[in-house]
Amino acid sequence: MTEWLTQFPVSLGGLFVASFLAATLLPGGSEALLFALLRLQPEHSAAALALATVGNTLGGMTTYWMARLLPHTRLPPRLELVRRHGSPILLAAWAPVIGDALCAAAGWLRINWLAGMLWMAAGKLARYLVVAAAALNWS
């Protein structure tokens, strides 16, 4: 059933790079790569989860820091939600489309970077745990 997976080179380094790039403003997803890696090499589950989470969090923090460099002007109404909830809103930074916007908004609003990074990492880890569970329990 998984023979098609063996045709694609999958590595932990590639997973890290894909996870990082997927969290920046560049399009892409790392979930499929994590799924494939865990189907082929389940013995690397802990390392794959760690590298995907760290790479994706660093990508999100890159967006955060780039937005933090922008001049701080009047608060647009759309950012009120981010300002009101603060760093815990970055728990949703894993979500497609809105995740990048949340990271950028947090940076522009100068939300505490360490708290933001921890919330961001928690959300991204939770998403990757769901993908890992699906890959490792696939029959």
Protein backbone atom coordinates (compact mmCIF):
# COMPACT_ATOMS: atom_id res chain seq x y z
CA MET A 1 0.00 0.00 0.00
CA THR A 2 2.85 2.44 0.73
CA GLU A 3 5.16 1.38 -2.12
CA TRP A 4 4.61 4.70 -3.89
CA LEU A 5 6.16 6.48 -0.90
CA THR A 6 9.52 4.81 -1.45
CA GLN A 7 9.90 6.64 -4.77
CA PHE A 8 10.39 9.99 -3.03
CA PRO A 9 13.57 10.95 -1.16
CA VAL A 10 12.58 12.05 2.32
CA SER A 11 15.02 13.28 4.94
CA LEU A 12 14.90 14.96 8.30
CA GLY A 13 16.84 17.93 6.90
CA GLY A 14 14.37 18.27 4.05
CA LEU A 15 11.52 18.15 6.54
CA PHE A 16 13.10 20.95 8.57
CA VAL A 17 13.55 23.17 5.48
CA ALA A 18 10.04 22.42 4.20
CA SER A 19 8.58 23.17 7.64
CA PHE A 20 10.45 26.46 7.86
CA LEU A 21 9.43 27.59 4.38
CA ALA A 22 5.81 26.53 4.91
CA ALA A 23 5.55 28.94 7.86
CA THR A 24 6.84 31.96 5.96
CA LEU A 25 4.85 33.91 3.41
CA LEU A 26 5.89 31.34 0.78
CA PRO A 27 3.21 28.80 -0.10
CA GLY A 28 3.75 25.21 0.87
CA GLY A 29 2.83 22.55 3.35
CA SER A 30 5.00 20.29 5.41
CA GLU A 31 2.30 17.94 6.72
CA ALA A 32 2.45 15.63 3.69
CA LEU A 33 6.22 15.40 3.98
CA LEU A 34 6.00 14.57 7.70
CA PHE A 35 3.34 11.96 6.96
CA ALA A 36 5.52 10.35 4.27
CA LEU A 37 8.63 10.41 6.44
CA LEU A 38 6.84 8.75 9.34
CA ARG A 39 5.34 6.08 7.08
CA LEU A 40 8.81 5.27 5.72
CA GLN A 41 10.85 5.73 8.89
CA PRO A 42 8.64 5.50 11.99
CA GLU A 43 11.73 5.05 14.13
CA HIS A 44 12.49 8.75 13.54
CA SER A 45 9.16 9.96 14.93
CA ALA A 46 10.56 12.03 17.81
CA ALA A 47 13.25 13.68 15.68
CA ALA A 48 10.79 14.36 12.85
CA LEU A 49 8.25 15.95 15.22
CA ALA A 50 10.94 18.08 16.84
CA LEU A 51 12.47 19.25 13.55
CA ALA A 52 9.10 20.00 11.95
CA THR A 53 7.96 21.95 15.00
CA VAL A 54 11.20 23.91 15.37
CA GLY A 55 11.43 24.64 11.64
CA ASN A 56 7.80 25.76 11.42
CA THR A 57 8.12 27.88 14.56
CA LEU A 58 11.29 29.55 13.26
CA GLY A 59 9.47 30.30 10.00
CA GLY A 60 6.61 31.88 11.93
CA MET A 61 9.05 33.90 14.01
CA THR A 62 10.72 35.12 10.81
CA THR A 63 7.37 36.56 9.74
CA TYR A 64 6.96 37.99 13.27
CA TRP A 65 10.35 39.75 13.16
CA MET A 66 9.85 41.07 9.64
CA ALA A 67 6.52 42.61 10.67
CA ARG A 68 8.07 44.00 13.84
CA LEU A 69 10.39 46.08 11.65
CA LEU A 70 7.44 47.88 10.09
CA PRO A 71 6.60 51.33 11.47
CA HIS A 72 3.95 51.27 14.15
CA THR A 73 1.02 53.44 13.16
CA ARG A 74 -2.65 53.56 14.11
CA LEU A 75 -4.13 50.13 14.93
CA PRO A 76 -6.24 48.79 12.06
CA PRO A 77 -9.59 47.39 13.34
CA ARG A 78 -8.75 43.91 12.03
CA LEU A 79 -5.81 43.66 14.44
CA GLU A 80 -7.91 44.43 17.51
CA LEU A 81 -8.54 40.71 18.06
CA VAL A 82 -4.80 39.99 18.14
CA ARG A 83 -4.12 42.90 20.48
CA ARG A 84 -6.96 41.87 22.80
CA HIS A 85 -5.88 38.20 23.07
CA GLY A 86 -2.13 38.79 23.01
CA SER A 87 0.39 35.99 22.63
CA PRO A 88 -2.05 33.08 23.28
CA ILE A 89 -3.69 33.81 19.92
CA LEU A 90 -0.51 32.47 18.31
CA LEU A 91 -1.67 29.00 19.35
CA ALA A 92 -3.60 29.24 16.05
CA ALA A 93 -0.51 30.20 14.02
CA TRP A 94 -0.54 26.71 12.50
CA ALA A 95 -3.79 27.39 10.63
CA PRO A 96 -3.64 27.82 6.86
CA VAL A 97 -4.11 31.38 5.58
CA ILE A 98 -4.64 33.05 8.97
CA GLY A 99 -1.48 31.65 10.57
CA ASP A 100 0.90 33.90 8.63
CA ALA A 101 -1.35 36.88 9.28
CA LEU A 102 -1.40 36.16 13.02
CA CYS A 103 2.40 35.96 13.14
CA ALA A 104 2.74 39.22 11.22
CA ALA A 105 0.12 40.96 13.37
CA ALA A 106 1.84 39.82 16.56
CA GLY A 107 5.14 41.21 15.33
CA TRP A 108 3.65 44.49 14.19
CA LEU A 109 1.88 44.87 17.56
CA ARG A 110 5.17 44.10 19.37
CA ILE A 111 3.63 41.23 21.32
CA ASN A 112 6.21 39.65 23.64
CA TRP A 113 8.35 37.53 21.36
CA LEU A 114 9.19 34.77 23.83
CA ALA A 115 5.61 34.20 24.98
CA GLY A 116 4.47 34.40 21.37
CA MET A 117 7.06 31.88 20.25
CA LEU A 118 6.06 29.42 22.99
CA TRP A 119 2.35 29.65 22.12
CA MET A 120 3.19 29.36 18.44
CA ALA A 121 5.33 26.26 19.02
CA ALA A 122 2.61 24.64 21.13
CA GLY A 123 0.02 25.06 18.37
CA LYS A 124 2.37 23.85 15.67
CA LEU A 125 3.40 20.81 17.74
CA ALA A 126 -0.26 19.93 18.32
CA ARG A 127 -0.91 20.01 14.57
CA TYR A 128 2.12 17.83 13.84
CA LEU A 129 1.10 15.37 16.58
CA VAL A 130 -2.23 14.88 14.78
CA VAL A 131 -0.40 14.24 11.49
CA ALA A 132 2.02 11.85 13.22
CA ALA A 133 -0.81 9.93 14.87
CA ALA A 134 -2.50 9.54 11.50
CA ALA A 135 0.72 8.38 9.83
CA LEU A 136 1.71 5.94 12.54
CA ASN A 137 -1.77 4.44 12.89
CA TRP A 138 -2.44 4.14 9.17
CA SER A 139 -3.30 0.60 8.18
